[in-house]
Amino acid sequence: MCPAARRSNVDQAPKRPMMESATADHSPQIEDYESMEAYERLKRLVEEVADDMQKAEGGNKAAGTRVRKAMQDIKKVAQDIRVAVLETRTPTP
């Protein structure tokens, strides 16, 4: 897959908010599913940047730019997962 196609796939990925529980007896299965979906997306992003990492290490400046952009996307998805995990452990009033 060419780098431009990879970037467009990342940008087109559905950006759904994490499920919030409205009651004390929330449904962890739904939240777990959302967290796992985000985790799978994170793994996919890391796998997709591997080729560009090798090219960047070889001195390819364009690949380095793509790696930096991918790392920003990875950072955002990782933060979303972190927030979701914190929400599952903290009871909502």
N, C-alpha and C. Protein backbone atom coordinates (compact mmCIF):
# COMPACT_ATOMS: atom_id res chain seq x y z
N MET A 1 0.86 -1.17 0.00
CA MET A 1 0.00 0.00 0.00
C MET A 1 0.90 1.23 0.00
N CYS A 2 0.58 2.19 -0.83
CA CYS A 2 1.41 3.39 -0.91
C CYS A 2 1.16 4.28 0.31
N PRO A 3 2.13 5.09 0.70
CA PRO A 3 1.99 5.94 1.89
C PRO A 3 0.80 6.87 1.84
N ALA A 4 0.50 7.41 0.66
CA ALA A 4 -0.65 8.32 0.56
C ALA A 4 -1.95 7.57 0.87
N ALA A 5 -2.04 6.34 0.41
CA ALA A 5 -3.24 5.55 0.69
C ALA A 5 -3.34 5.24 2.17
N ARG A 6 -2.19 4.97 2.81
CA ARG A 6 -2.20 4.70 4.25
C ARG A 6 -2.70 5.91 5.02
N ARG A 7 -2.20 7.09 4.66
CA ARG A 7 -2.61 8.29 5.36
C ARG A 7 -4.10 8.53 5.19
N SER A 8 -4.64 8.30 4.00
CA SER A 8 -6.06 8.54 3.79
C SER A 8 -6.90 7.55 4.59
N ASN A 9 -6.41 6.30 4.75
CA ASN A 9 -7.14 5.33 5.55
C ASN A 9 -7.18 5.75 7.01
N VAL A 10 -6.09 6.31 7.51
CA VAL A 10 -6.04 6.75 8.90
C VAL A 10 -7.02 7.90 9.09
N ASP A 11 -7.01 8.85 8.15
CA ASP A 11 -7.90 9.99 8.26
C ASP A 11 -9.36 9.62 8.13
N GLN A 12 -9.65 8.55 7.39
CA GLN A 12 -11.02 8.15 7.17
C GLN A 12 -11.55 7.20 8.24
N ALA A 13 -10.69 6.79 9.15
CA ALA A 13 -11.12 5.87 10.20
C ALA A 13 -12.24 6.51 11.00
N PRO A 14 -13.27 5.74 11.35
CA PRO A 14 -14.38 6.31 12.10
C PRO A 14 -13.92 6.82 13.46
N LYS A 15 -14.35 8.02 13.78
CA LYS A 15 -13.97 8.62 15.04
C LYS A 15 -15.21 8.71 15.91
N ARG A 16 -15.49 7.62 16.60
CA ARG A 16 -16.66 7.59 17.45
C ARG A 16 -16.24 7.84 18.89
N PRO A 17 -17.05 8.58 19.63
CA PRO A 17 -16.71 8.81 21.03
C PRO A 17 -16.85 7.52 21.83
N MET A 18 -16.08 7.43 22.90
CA MET A 18 -16.19 6.28 23.77
C MET A 18 -17.54 6.30 24.46
N MET A 19 -18.08 5.12 24.72
CA MET A 19 -19.38 5.02 25.38
C MET A 19 -19.24 5.43 26.85
N GLU A 20 -20.16 6.23 27.32
CA GLU A 20 -20.19 6.61 28.72
C GLU A 20 -21.35 5.91 29.39
N SER A 21 -21.13 5.48 30.61
CA SER A 21 -22.20 4.80 31.31
C SER A 21 -23.05 5.83 32.05
N ALA A 22 -24.36 5.66 32.00
CA ALA A 22 -25.28 6.61 32.61
C ALA A 22 -25.69 6.16 34.01
N THR A 23 -25.48 4.89 34.32
CA THR A 23 -25.89 4.39 35.62
C THR A 23 -24.73 3.71 36.31
N ALA A 24 -24.94 3.40 37.58
CA ALA A 24 -23.89 2.74 38.35
C ALA A 24 -23.62 1.33 37.83
N ASP A 25 -24.66 0.66 37.32
CA ASP A 25 -24.48 -0.68 36.79
C ASP A 25 -24.28 -0.60 35.27
N HIS A 26 -23.18 0.04 34.89
CA HIS A 26 -22.89 0.26 33.47
C HIS A 26 -22.56 -1.05 32.78
N SER A 27 -22.51 -0.99 31.47
CA SER A 27 -22.23 -2.17 30.68
C SER A 27 -20.76 -2.20 30.27
N PRO A 28 -19.91 -2.88 31.03
CA PRO A 28 -18.50 -2.89 30.69
C PRO A 28 -18.21 -3.54 29.35
N GLN A 29 -19.11 -4.42 28.88
CA GLN A 29 -18.87 -5.08 27.61
C GLN A 29 -18.84 -4.06 26.47
N ILE A 30 -19.73 -3.08 26.50
CA ILE A 30 -19.76 -2.07 25.45
C ILE A 30 -18.49 -1.22 25.52
N GLU A 31 -18.12 -0.79 26.72
CA GLU A 31 -16.92 0.02 26.88
C GLU A 31 -15.68 -0.78 26.50
N ASP A 32 -15.65 -2.06 26.90
CA ASP A 32 -14.51 -2.90 26.55
C ASP A 32 -14.40 -3.05 25.04
N TYR A 33 -15.54 -3.19 24.36
CA TYR A 33 -15.53 -3.31 22.91
C TYR A 33 -14.97 -2.05 22.27
N GLU A 34 -15.40 -0.89 22.74
CA GLU A 34 -14.91 0.37 22.21
C GLU A 34 -13.41 0.50 22.47
N SER A 35 -12.97 0.13 23.66
CA SER A 35 -11.54 0.21 23.99
C SER A 35 -10.74 -0.75 23.12
N MET A 36 -11.25 -1.94 22.93
CA MET A 36 -10.54 -2.92 22.10
C MET A 36 -10.49 -2.46 20.65
N GLU A 37 -11.56 -1.83 20.18
CA GLU A 37 -11.58 -1.32 18.82
C GLU A 37 -10.49 -0.25 18.66
N ALA A 38 -10.38 0.63 19.62
CA ALA A 38 -9.35 1.67 19.59
C ALA A 38 -7.96 1.05 19.69
N TYR A 39 -7.82 0.01 20.50
CA TYR A 39 -6.54 -0.66 20.65
C TYR A 39 -6.12 -1.33 19.34
N GLU A 40 -7.08 -1.96 18.67
CA GLU A 40 -6.78 -2.59 17.38
C GLU A 40 -6.37 -1.53 16.36
N ARG A 41 -7.00 -0.37 16.41
CA ARG A 41 -6.62 0.72 15.52
C ARG A 41 -5.19 1.18 15.82
N LEU A 42 -4.85 1.26 17.10
CA LEU A 42 -3.50 1.65 17.50
C LEU A 42 -2.47 0.66 16.96
N LYS A 43 -2.76 -0.62 17.10
CA LYS A 43 -1.84 -1.65 16.59
C LYS A 43 -1.68 -1.53 15.08
N ARG A 44 -2.79 -1.26 14.39
CA ARG A 44 -2.74 -1.14 12.94
C ARG A 44 -1.87 0.06 12.53
N LEU A 45 -2.03 1.18 13.23
CA LEU A 45 -1.24 2.36 12.93
C LEU A 45 0.25 2.10 13.11
N VAL A 46 0.60 1.39 14.17
CA VAL A 46 2.01 1.08 14.44
C VAL A 46 2.56 0.17 13.34
N GLU A 47 1.78 -0.83 12.94
CA GLU A 47 2.22 -1.74 11.89
C GLU A 47 2.41 -0.99 10.56
N GLU A 48 1.50 -0.06 10.27
CA GLU A 48 1.55 0.65 9.00
C GLU A 48 2.76 1.58 8.88
N VAL A 49 3.28 2.05 9.99
CA VAL A 49 4.40 2.99 9.94
C VAL A 49 5.76 2.28 9.88
N ALA A 50 5.77 0.97 10.01
CA ALA A 50 7.03 0.22 10.07
C ALA A 50 7.89 0.43 8.83
N ASP A 51 7.30 0.35 7.63
CA ASP A 51 8.09 0.53 6.40
C ASP A 51 8.72 1.92 6.34
N ASP A 52 7.92 2.93 6.68
CA ASP A 52 8.44 4.29 6.65
C ASP A 52 9.52 4.50 7.70
N MET A 53 9.43 3.82 8.82
CA MET A 53 10.49 3.91 9.85
C MET A 53 11.81 3.43 9.28
N GLN A 54 11.78 2.31 8.58
CA GLN A 54 13.01 1.78 7.99
C GLN A 54 13.57 2.75 6.94
N LYS A 55 12.67 3.31 6.13
CA LYS A 55 13.12 4.26 5.11
C LYS A 55 13.70 5.52 5.75
N ALA A 56 13.06 5.98 6.83
CA ALA A 56 13.53 7.18 7.51
C ALA A 56 14.91 6.94 8.13
N GLU A 57 15.11 5.75 8.69
CA GLU A 57 16.42 5.42 9.26
C GLU A 57 17.49 5.38 8.18
N GLY A 58 17.07 5.08 6.94
CA GLY A 58 18.01 5.05 5.83
C GLY A 58 18.29 6.43 5.24
N GLY A 59 17.64 7.46 5.80
CA GLY A 59 17.91 8.82 5.35
C GLY A 59 16.83 9.43 4.47
N ASN A 60 15.73 8.74 4.24
CA ASN A 60 14.66 9.26 3.40
C ASN A 60 13.88 10.32 4.19
N LYS A 61 14.02 11.58 3.79
CA LYS A 61 13.39 12.68 4.52
C LYS A 61 11.87 12.65 4.43
N ALA A 62 11.34 12.29 3.27
CA ALA A 62 9.88 12.23 3.10
C ALA A 62 9.29 11.16 4.02
N ALA A 63 9.99 10.04 4.14
CA ALA A 63 9.52 8.98 5.03
C ALA A 63 9.55 9.46 6.48
N GLY A 64 10.55 10.25 6.82
CA GLY A 64 10.63 10.82 8.18
C GLY A 64 9.43 11.70 8.47
N THR A 65 9.01 12.48 7.49
CA THR A 65 7.83 13.33 7.66
C THR A 65 6.59 12.48 7.87
N ARG A 66 6.46 11.41 7.09
CA ARG A 66 5.30 10.51 7.25
C ARG A 66 5.32 9.84 8.62
N VAL A 67 6.51 9.48 9.10
CA VAL A 67 6.63 8.85 10.43
C VAL A 67 6.18 9.82 11.51
N ARG A 68 6.63 11.07 11.41
CA ARG A 68 6.23 12.05 12.42
C ARG A 68 4.73 12.27 12.43
N LYS A 69 4.10 12.31 11.27
CA LYS A 69 2.64 12.46 11.20
C LYS A 69 1.95 11.23 11.81
N ALA A 70 2.45 10.05 11.45
CA ALA A 70 1.87 8.82 11.98
C ALA A 70 2.01 8.77 13.50
N MET A 71 3.13 9.25 14.03
CA MET A 71 3.33 9.25 15.47
C MET A 71 2.33 10.18 16.17
N GLN A 72 1.97 11.28 15.53
CA GLN A 72 0.94 12.16 16.10
C GLN A 72 -0.40 11.43 16.15
N ASP A 73 -0.74 10.69 15.08
CA ASP A 73 -1.98 9.92 15.07
C ASP A 73 -1.95 8.84 16.15
N ILE A 74 -0.81 8.18 16.29
CA ILE A 74 -0.66 7.14 17.31
C ILE A 74 -0.81 7.74 18.70
N LYS A 75 -0.23 8.90 18.91
CA LYS A 75 -0.32 9.58 20.20
C LYS A 75 -1.78 9.89 20.55
N LYS A 76 -2.55 10.35 19.56
CA LYS A 76 -3.95 10.70 19.79
C LYS A 76 -4.77 9.45 20.15
N VAL A 77 -4.58 8.38 19.39
CA VAL A 77 -5.33 7.15 19.67
C VAL A 77 -4.94 6.58 21.03
N ALA A 78 -3.65 6.64 21.37
CA ALA A 78 -3.20 6.14 22.67
C ALA A 78 -3.81 6.96 23.80
N GLN A 79 -3.90 8.27 23.61
CA GLN A 79 -4.53 9.12 24.63
C GLN A 79 -6.01 8.79 24.77
N ASP A 80 -6.69 8.55 23.65
CA ASP A 80 -8.11 8.17 23.71
C ASP A 80 -8.30 6.87 24.50
N ILE A 81 -7.41 5.92 24.28
CA ILE A 81 -7.48 4.65 25.01
C ILE A 81 -7.23 4.90 26.50
N ARG A 82 -6.25 5.72 26.81
CA ARG A 82 -5.94 6.04 28.20
C ARG A 82 -7.14 6.64 28.91
N VAL A 83 -7.80 7.58 28.25
CA VAL A 83 -8.98 8.23 28.84
C VAL A 83 -10.09 7.19 29.04
N ALA A 84 -10.30 6.33 28.05
CA ALA A 84 -11.34 5.31 28.16
C ALA A 84 -11.08 4.37 29.32
N VAL A 85 -9.82 3.98 29.51
CA VAL A 85 -9.48 3.08 30.61
C VAL A 85 -9.73 3.78 31.94
N LEU A 86 -9.37 5.04 32.04
CA LEU A 86 -9.62 5.78 33.27
C LEU A 86 -11.11 5.92 33.55
N GLU A 87 -11.92 6.10 32.51
CA GLU A 87 -13.36 6.22 32.69
C GLU A 87 -13.97 4.92 33.19
N THR A 88 -13.44 3.78 32.79
CA THR A 88 -14.00 2.50 33.23
C THR A 88 -13.67 2.24 34.70
N ARG A 89 -12.57 2.81 35.16
CA ARG A 89 -12.17 2.53 36.53
C ARG A 89 -12.76 3.56 37.50
N THR A 90 -13.08 4.74 37.03
CA THR A 90 -13.61 5.79 37.89
C THR A 90 -15.13 5.82 37.79
N PRO A 91 -15.83 5.67 38.92
CA PRO A 91 -17.30 5.71 38.86
C PRO A 91 -17.77 7.11 38.51
N THR A 92 -18.77 7.17 37.61
CA THR A 92 -19.34 8.47 37.25
C THR A 92 -20.47 8.82 38.20
N PRO A 93 -20.51 10.07 38.66
CA PRO A 93 -21.57 10.45 39.62
C PRO A 93 -22.93 10.50 39.01
